[in-house]
Amino acid sequence: MLFRAIAVAILAGSVLVAVVAFDEPGAPSTAPPATGATTVDLLAVELRRCQALGPAAQDDAGCRDAWRKNRERFFRSGSLRSDRAVDPRAVSLPAYGWRPLWE
C-alpha cells in the first residue's frame, strides 16, 4: 500500500512539473510575426467560389480555368508549391514552444 501511495505521488508530481514547464510565461511566442499585409491566394478563392456553386460549376468557364490551373500546380514537376514564397520566420513551431533538449 505504501508503494502505491508513493507511485501516485510521483505521478502527480510529474504531471505538475509538466504543466508548469508547458505554461512558462517567458517562453517565446509561436505566433508568426504580424507583417501588416496578408497574401491572398486568388486561385484558392476561385476554387472556394466554384465549390459553393456546386454542380453548376461544371458549366462555369472561370471554374474550369481554375481547375486547370490547380491541376497544373499540383502535377508540376520540381519543388512543391514553388509559386508560393515561404518566410522561414512565419513557420509556426509546435504548441507551447520548442526548445532543444541539450540547452
C-alpha atoms as a PDB file:
ATOM      1  CA  MET A   1       0.000   0.000   0.000  1.00  0.00           C
ATOM      2  CA  LEU A   2       2.864   2.338   0.781  1.00  0.00           C
ATOM      3  CA  PHE A   3       4.421   1.727  -2.640  1.00  0.00           C
ATOM      4  CA  ARG A   4       1.135   2.532  -4.360  1.00  0.00           C
ATOM      5  CA  ALA A   5       0.895   5.848  -2.498  1.00  0.00           C
ATOM      6  CA  ILE A   6       4.491   6.696  -3.430  1.00  0.00           C
ATOM      7  CA  ALA A   7       3.785   5.845  -7.093  1.00  0.00           C
ATOM      8  CA  VAL A   8       0.679   8.061  -7.114  1.00  0.00           C
ATOM      9  CA  ALA A   9       2.634  10.932  -5.512  1.00  0.00           C
ATOM     10  CA  ILE A  10       5.433  10.604  -8.095  1.00  0.00           C
ATOM     11  CA  LEU A  11       2.909  10.525 -10.935  1.00  0.00           C
ATOM     12  CA  ALA A  12       1.089  13.596  -9.589  1.00  0.00           C
ATOM     13  CA  GLY A  13       4.394  15.429  -9.192  1.00  0.00           C
ATOM     14  CA  SER A  14       5.399  14.563 -12.750  1.00  0.00           C
ATOM     15  CA  VAL A  15       2.125  15.874 -14.129  1.00  0.00           C
ATOM     16  CA  LEU A  16       2.502  19.080 -12.098  1.00  0.00           C
ATOM     17  CA  VAL A  17       6.055  19.615 -13.385  1.00  0.00           C
ATOM     18  CA  ALA A  18       4.914  19.039 -16.974  1.00  0.00           C
ATOM     19  CA  VAL A  19       2.064  21.542 -16.651  1.00  0.00           C
ATOM     20  CA  VAL A  20       4.352  24.185 -15.167  1.00  0.00           C
ATOM     21  CA  ALA A  21       7.006  23.599 -17.831  1.00  0.00           C
ATOM     22  CA  PHE A  22       4.493  23.977 -20.661  1.00  0.00           C
ATOM     23  CA  ASP A  23       2.989  27.123 -19.172  1.00  0.00           C
ATOM     24  CA  GLU A  24       6.161  29.187 -18.804  1.00  0.00           C
ATOM     25  CA  PRO A  25       5.375  32.900 -19.084  1.00  0.00           C
ATOM     26  CA  GLY A  26       8.850  33.643 -20.500  1.00  0.00           C
ATOM     27  CA  ALA A  27       8.531  31.155 -23.344  1.00  0.00           C
ATOM     28  CA  PRO A  28       8.850  32.705 -26.818  1.00  0.00           C
ATOM     29  CA  SER A  29       5.653  33.216 -28.735  1.00  0.00           C
ATOM     30  CA  THR A  30       4.974  30.711 -31.501  1.00  0.00           C
ATOM     31  CA  ALA A  31       2.677  33.033 -33.429  1.00  0.00           C
ATOM     32  CA  PRO A  32       4.042  34.210 -36.769  1.00  0.00           C
ATOM     33  CA  PRO A  33       5.085  37.852 -36.818  1.00  0.00           C
ATOM     34  CA  ALA A  34       2.455  40.292 -37.999  1.00  0.00           C
ATOM     35  CA  THR A  35       3.530  41.751 -41.314  1.00  0.00           C
ATOM     36  CA  GLY A  36       0.593  44.065 -41.851  1.00  0.00           C
ATOM     37  CA  ALA A  37      -0.067  42.725 -45.334  1.00  0.00           C
ATOM     38  CA  THR A  38      -1.839  39.462 -45.960  1.00  0.00           C
ATOM     39  CA  THR A  39      -1.228  37.488 -49.099  1.00  0.00           C
ATOM     40  CA  VAL A  40      -4.299  36.148 -50.807  1.00  0.00           C
ATOM     41  CA  ASP A  41      -4.184  33.027 -52.915  1.00  0.00           C
ATOM     42  CA  LEU A  42      -6.556  34.061 -55.701  1.00  0.00           C
ATOM     43  CA  LEU A  43      -6.717  30.533 -57.060  1.00  0.00           C
ATOM     44  CA  ALA A  44      -7.879  29.238 -53.669  1.00  0.00           C
ATOM     45  CA  VAL A  45     -10.551  31.949 -53.543  1.00  0.00           C
ATOM     46  CA  GLU A  46     -11.775  30.978 -57.012  1.00  0.00           C
ATOM     47  CA  LEU A  47     -11.792  27.276 -56.096  1.00  0.00           C
ATOM     48  CA  ARG A  48     -13.878  28.053 -52.998  1.00  0.00           C
ATOM     49  CA  ARG A  49     -16.325  30.010 -55.169  1.00  0.00           C
ATOM     50  CA  CYS A  50     -16.603  27.042 -57.517  1.00  0.00           C
ATOM     51  CA  GLN A  51     -17.160  24.721 -54.583  1.00  0.00           C
ATOM     52  CA  ALA A  52     -20.006  26.932 -53.405  1.00  0.00           C
ATOM     53  CA  LEU A  53     -21.609  26.788 -56.848  1.00  0.00           C
ATOM     54  CA  GLY A  54     -21.948  23.027 -56.604  1.00  0.00           C
ATOM     55  CA  PRO A  55     -22.901  21.157 -59.798  1.00  0.00           C
ATOM     56  CA  ALA A  56     -23.443  24.438 -61.668  1.00  0.00           C
ATOM     57  CA  ALA A  57     -19.668  24.992 -61.554  1.00  0.00           C
ATOM     58  CA  GLN A  58     -19.221  22.457 -64.366  1.00  0.00           C
ATOM     59  CA  ASP A  59     -20.681  24.982 -66.818  1.00  0.00           C
ATOM     60  CA  ASP A  60     -18.693  27.957 -65.466  1.00  0.00           C
ATOM     61  CA  ALA A  61     -15.666  28.902 -67.601  1.00  0.00           C
ATOM     62  CA  GLY A  62     -13.907  30.502 -64.609  1.00  0.00           C
ATOM     63  CA  CYS A  63     -14.203  27.280 -62.624  1.00  0.00           C
ATOM     64  CA  ARG A  64     -12.862  25.182 -65.484  1.00  0.00           C
ATOM     65  CA  ASP A  65      -9.887  27.540 -65.781  1.00  0.00           C
ATOM     66  CA  ALA A  66      -9.280  27.432 -62.013  1.00  0.00           C
ATOM     67  CA  TRP A  67      -9.410  23.621 -62.002  1.00  0.00           C
ATOM     68  CA  ARG A  68      -6.939  23.515 -64.910  1.00  0.00           C
ATOM     69  CA  LYS A  69      -4.522  25.846 -63.073  1.00  0.00           C
ATOM     70  CA  ASN A  70      -4.897  23.800 -59.897  1.00  0.00           C
ATOM     71  CA  ARG A  71      -4.077  20.574 -61.758  1.00  0.00           C
ATOM     72  CA  GLU A  72      -1.037  22.218 -63.353  1.00  0.00           C
ATOM     73  CA  ARG A  73       0.176  23.449 -59.980  1.00  0.00           C
ATOM     74  CA  PHE A  74      -0.405  20.051 -58.380  1.00  0.00           C
ATOM     75  CA  PHE A  75       1.279  17.964 -61.063  1.00  0.00           C
ATOM     76  CA  ARG A  76       4.101  20.412 -61.821  1.00  0.00           C
ATOM     77  CA  SER A  77       7.497  18.777 -61.579  1.00  0.00           C
ATOM     78  CA  GLY A  78      10.113  20.335 -59.331  1.00  0.00           C
ATOM     79  CA  SER A  79       9.735  21.711 -55.851  1.00  0.00           C
ATOM     80  CA  LEU A  80       6.387  21.578 -54.146  1.00  0.00           C
ATOM     81  CA  ARG A  81       4.408  24.784 -54.353  1.00  0.00           C
ATOM     82  CA  SER A  82       7.331  26.739 -55.722  1.00  0.00           C
ATOM     83  CA  ASP A  83       4.963  29.523 -56.720  1.00  0.00           C
ATOM     84  CA  ARG A  84       4.391  30.374 -53.053  1.00  0.00           C
ATOM     85  CA  ALA A  85       7.124  32.198 -51.201  1.00  0.00           C
ATOM     86  CA  VAL A  86       7.606  30.985 -47.641  1.00  0.00           C
ATOM     87  CA  ASP A  87       9.045  33.209 -44.954  1.00  0.00           C
ATOM     88  CA  PRO A  88      11.039  30.890 -42.653  1.00  0.00           C
ATOM     89  CA  ARG A  89      10.226  33.119 -39.678  1.00  0.00           C
ATOM     90  CA  ALA A  90       6.499  32.634 -40.326  1.00  0.00           C
ATOM     91  CA  VAL A  91       6.634  28.859 -39.925  1.00  0.00           C
ATOM     92  CA  SER A  92       4.948  28.086 -36.644  1.00  0.00           C
ATOM     93  CA  LEU A  93       6.515  25.869 -34.031  1.00  0.00           C
ATOM     94  CA  PRO A  94       4.625  23.190 -32.130  1.00  0.00           C
ATOM     95  CA  ALA A  95       2.245  24.365 -29.444  1.00  0.00           C
ATOM     96  CA  TYR A  96       3.842  25.596 -26.202  1.00  0.00           C
ATOM     97  CA  GLY A  97       7.089  26.440 -27.964  1.00  0.00           C
ATOM     98  CA  TRP A  98      10.072  24.234 -28.601  1.00  0.00           C
ATOM     99  CA  ARG A  99      13.441  24.047 -27.016  1.00  0.00           C
ATOM    100  CA  PRO A 100      16.232  21.649 -27.884  1.00  0.00           C
ATOM    101  CA  LEU A 101      16.858  19.031 -25.231  1.00  0.00           C
ATOM    102  CA  TRP A 102      20.534  19.905 -24.970  1.00  0.00           C
ATOM    103  CA  GLU A 103      20.001  23.502 -23.759  1.00  0.00           C
END
